[in-house]
Amino acid sequence: MAGLHDVVQAVSQRPGVEAVILASGDGLTIEHASPPGRGPDADTIAALTAVLKQHAQDLGDAAGRGLFATGVLEFNGGMMVLAALGDEGTLVLQVRPGTDIGELLFDLHRHRPAVVELL
């Protein structure tokens, strides 16, 4: 059976994915994969992800939408995808500009329960 390291490495090999960070619920880096010397600061992103996830959940509560599941943030330099893994963590993907993320979002949705089980 694949472990968390294997999952993060596999997702990092998807077309258009530049970096993958698995962040704990309290904002610590559990695993990450990115090109050597060119990746983002995983610890900073993990910490900010915990804050952003909480604000997204607050927004969902205020709007009566339930639990936060997935968010896509688009920047002029590419996208960030946040996939909640229950209270245990969040999978963060840094994606190149112009990448079609439809299949990636579908796979995240489909495989989320298995990844949560690994946490």
C-alpha atoms as a PDB file:
ATOM      1  CA  MET A   1       0.000   0.000   0.000  1.00  0.00           C
ATOM      2  CA  ALA A   2       1.209   3.480  -0.835  1.00  0.00           C
ATOM      3  CA  GLY A   3       2.190   5.799   1.999  1.00  0.00           C
ATOM      4  CA  LEU A   4       1.854   9.574   2.249  1.00  0.00           C
ATOM      5  CA  HIS A   5       5.293  10.098   0.724  1.00  0.00           C
ATOM      6  CA  ASP A   6       4.290   7.985  -2.287  1.00  0.00           C
ATOM      7  CA  VAL A   7       1.033   9.889  -2.737  1.00  0.00           C
ATOM      8  CA  VAL A   8       2.768  13.281  -2.607  1.00  0.00           C
ATOM      9  CA  GLN A   9       5.430  12.120  -5.072  1.00  0.00           C
ATOM     10  CA  ALA A  10       2.817  10.717  -7.469  1.00  0.00           C
ATOM     11  CA  VAL A  11       0.745  13.915  -7.438  1.00  0.00           C
ATOM     12  CA  SER A  12       3.904  15.980  -8.006  1.00  0.00           C
ATOM     13  CA  GLN A  13       4.490  14.061 -11.262  1.00  0.00           C
ATOM     14  CA  ARG A  14       1.135  15.095 -12.744  1.00  0.00           C
ATOM     15  CA  PRO A  15       1.321  17.403 -15.777  1.00  0.00           C
ATOM     16  CA  GLY A  16       1.379  21.054 -14.720  1.00  0.00           C
ATOM     17  CA  VAL A  17       1.957  20.388 -11.014  1.00  0.00           C
ATOM     18  CA  GLU A  18       5.011  22.287  -9.780  1.00  0.00           C
ATOM     19  CA  ALA A  19       4.889  21.487  -6.079  1.00  0.00           C
ATOM     20  CA  VAL A  20       2.852  19.491  -3.583  1.00  0.00           C
ATOM     21  CA  ILE A  21       2.663  20.168   0.133  1.00  0.00           C
ATOM     22  CA  LEU A  22       0.799  18.064   2.652  1.00  0.00           C
ATOM     23  CA  ALA A  23       0.084  20.355   5.598  1.00  0.00           C
ATOM     24  CA  SER A  24      -1.175  19.284   8.999  1.00  0.00           C
ATOM     25  CA  GLY A  25      -4.298  20.813  10.495  1.00  0.00           C
ATOM     26  CA  ASP A  26      -2.146  23.009  12.718  1.00  0.00           C
ATOM     27  CA  GLY A  27      -0.006  24.310   9.850  1.00  0.00           C
ATOM     28  CA  LEU A  28       3.061  22.072   9.879  1.00  0.00           C
ATOM     29  CA  THR A  29       4.600  20.424   6.829  1.00  0.00           C
ATOM     30  CA  ILE A  30       4.004  16.655   6.826  1.00  0.00           C
ATOM     31  CA  GLU A  31       5.407  15.924   3.335  1.00  0.00           C
ATOM     32  CA  HIS A  32       6.304  17.947   0.278  1.00  0.00           C
ATOM     33  CA  ALA A  33       7.706  17.519  -3.201  1.00  0.00           C
ATOM     34  CA  SER A  34       9.110  20.174  -5.509  1.00  0.00           C
ATOM     35  CA  PRO A  35      12.064  20.638  -7.833  1.00  0.00           C
ATOM     36  CA  PRO A  36      15.282  20.986  -5.816  1.00  0.00           C
ATOM     37  CA  GLY A  37      16.148  24.613  -5.130  1.00  0.00           C
ATOM     38  CA  ARG A  38      13.155  25.919  -7.068  1.00  0.00           C
ATOM     39  CA  GLY A  39      10.220  24.969  -4.912  1.00  0.00           C
ATOM     40  CA  PRO A  40       8.190  27.151  -2.605  1.00  0.00           C
ATOM     41  CA  ASP A  41       8.882  27.491   1.116  1.00  0.00           C
ATOM     42  CA  ALA A  42       6.837  24.484   2.245  1.00  0.00           C
ATOM     43  CA  ASP A  43       6.795  25.484   5.922  1.00  0.00           C
ATOM     44  CA  THR A  44       5.441  28.966   5.209  1.00  0.00           C
ATOM     45  CA  ILE A  45       2.816  27.629   2.824  1.00  0.00           C
ATOM     46  CA  ALA A  46       1.747  24.965   5.337  1.00  0.00           C
ATOM     47  CA  ALA A  47       1.330  27.589   8.067  1.00  0.00           C
ATOM     48  CA  LEU A  48      -0.636  29.946   5.809  1.00  0.00           C
ATOM     49  CA  THR A  49      -2.768  27.075   4.541  1.00  0.00           C
ATOM     50  CA  ALA A  50      -4.048  26.334   8.043  1.00  0.00           C
ATOM     51  CA  VAL A  51      -5.167  29.960   8.400  1.00  0.00           C
ATOM     52  CA  LEU A  52      -6.702  30.090   4.927  1.00  0.00           C
ATOM     53  CA  LYS A  53      -8.539  26.806   5.469  1.00  0.00           C
ATOM     54  CA  GLN A  54     -10.065  28.141   8.678  1.00  0.00           C
ATOM     55  CA  HIS A  55     -11.218  31.335   6.941  1.00  0.00           C
ATOM     56  CA  ALA A  56     -12.665  29.292   4.058  1.00  0.00           C
ATOM     57  CA  GLN A  57     -14.533  27.174   6.587  1.00  0.00           C
ATOM     58  CA  ASP A  58     -15.851  30.306   8.302  1.00  0.00           C
ATOM     59  CA  LEU A  59     -17.042  31.579   4.908  1.00  0.00           C
ATOM     60  CA  GLY A  60     -18.757  28.256   4.209  1.00  0.00           C
ATOM     61  CA  ASP A  61     -20.431  28.352   7.629  1.00  0.00           C
ATOM     62  CA  ALA A  62     -21.670  31.907   7.098  1.00  0.00           C
ATOM     63  CA  ALA A  63     -23.042  30.975   3.685  1.00  0.00           C
ATOM     64  CA  GLY A  64     -24.601  27.749   4.941  1.00  0.00           C
ATOM     65  CA  ARG A  65     -22.461  25.606   2.615  1.00  0.00           C
ATOM     66  CA  GLY A  66     -21.093  23.055   5.073  1.00  0.00           C
ATOM     67  CA  LEU A  67     -17.530  21.845   5.397  1.00  0.00           C
ATOM     68  CA  PHE A  68     -14.721  23.240   3.243  1.00  0.00           C
ATOM     69  CA  ALA A  69     -13.580  20.621   0.721  1.00  0.00           C
ATOM     70  CA  THR A  70     -11.580  22.142  -2.158  1.00  0.00           C
ATOM     71  CA  GLY A  71     -10.475  25.621  -3.140  1.00  0.00           C
ATOM     72  CA  VAL A  72      -8.768  26.920  -6.260  1.00  0.00           C
ATOM     73  CA  LEU A  73      -6.878  30.194  -6.037  1.00  0.00           C
ATOM     74  CA  GLU A  74      -5.735  31.753  -9.284  1.00  0.00           C
ATOM     75  CA  PHE A  75      -2.770  34.120  -9.372  1.00  0.00           C
ATOM     76  CA  ASN A  76      -1.033  35.714 -12.341  1.00  0.00           C
ATOM     77  CA  GLY A  77       1.809  33.200 -11.849  1.00  0.00           C
ATOM     78  CA  GLY A  78      -0.378  30.099 -11.673  1.00  0.00           C
ATOM     79  CA  MET A  79      -2.899  28.407  -9.422  1.00  0.00           C
ATOM     80  CA  MET A  80      -2.937  26.901  -5.951  1.00  0.00           C
ATOM     81  CA  VAL A  81      -5.357  24.073  -5.201  1.00  0.00           C
ATOM     82  CA  LEU A  82      -6.246  23.293  -1.586  1.00  0.00           C
ATOM     83  CA  ALA A  83      -7.911  19.961  -0.865  1.00  0.00           C
ATOM     84  CA  ALA A  84      -9.081  19.492   2.718  1.00  0.00           C
ATOM     85  CA  LEU A  85      -8.308  16.131   4.279  1.00  0.00           C
ATOM     86  CA  GLY A  86     -10.680  16.359   7.209  1.00  0.00           C
ATOM     87  CA  ASP A  87      -9.342  18.004  10.346  1.00  0.00           C
ATOM     88  CA  GLU A  88      -6.021  16.233   9.880  1.00  0.00           C
ATOM     89  CA  GLY A  89      -4.622  18.257   7.021  1.00  0.00           C
ATOM     90  CA  THR A  90      -4.716  19.837   3.601  1.00  0.00           C
ATOM     91  CA  LEU A  91      -3.104  18.874   0.328  1.00  0.00           C
ATOM     92  CA  VAL A  92      -1.763  21.967  -1.436  1.00  0.00           C
ATOM     93  CA  LEU A  93      -0.827  21.897  -5.115  1.00  0.00           C
ATOM     94  CA  GLN A  94       1.084  24.627  -6.896  1.00  0.00           C
ATOM     95  CA  VAL A  95       0.067  24.500 -10.571  1.00  0.00           C
ATOM     96  CA  ARG A  96       1.644  26.134 -13.641  1.00  0.00           C
ATOM     97  CA  PRO A  97      -0.296  28.872 -15.446  1.00  0.00           C
ATOM     98  CA  GLY A  98      -2.525  27.561 -18.222  1.00  0.00           C
ATOM     99  CA  THR A  99      -2.821  24.049 -16.793  1.00  0.00           C
ATOM    100  CA  ASP A 100      -6.212  22.373 -17.238  1.00  0.00           C
ATOM    101  CA  ILE A 101      -6.975  21.216 -13.698  1.00  0.00           C
ATOM    102  CA  GLY A 102     -10.299  19.475 -14.393  1.00  0.00           C
ATOM    103  CA  GLU A 103      -8.931  15.921 -14.295  1.00  0.00           C
ATOM    104  CA  LEU A 104      -6.740  16.786 -11.318  1.00  0.00           C
ATOM    105  CA  LEU A 105      -9.748  18.069  -9.334  1.00  0.00           C
ATOM    106  CA  PHE A 106     -11.744  14.960 -10.271  1.00  0.00           C
ATOM    107  CA  ASP A 107      -8.942  12.665  -9.086  1.00  0.00           C
ATOM    108  CA  LEU A 108      -8.509  14.621  -5.846  1.00  0.00           C
ATOM    109  CA  HIS A 109     -12.219  14.238  -5.149  1.00  0.00           C
ATOM    110  CA  ARG A 110     -12.196  10.528  -6.003  1.00  0.00           C
ATOM    111  CA  HIS A 111      -9.071   9.627  -4.003  1.00  0.00           C
ATOM    112  CA  ARG A 112      -9.572  11.958  -1.029  1.00  0.00           C
ATOM    113  CA  PRO A 113     -10.995   9.236   1.290  1.00  0.00           C
ATOM    114  CA  ALA A 114      -7.974   6.990   0.698  1.00  0.00           C
ATOM    115  CA  VAL A 115      -5.539   9.826   1.441  1.00  0.00           C
ATOM    116  CA  VAL A 116      -7.440  10.738   4.613  1.00  0.00           C
ATOM    117  CA  GLU A 117      -7.101   7.102   5.731  1.00  0.00           C
ATOM    118  CA  LEU A 118      -3.307   7.398   5.379  1.00  0.00           C
ATOM    119  CA  LEU A 119      -3.237  10.376   7.738  1.00  0.00           C
END
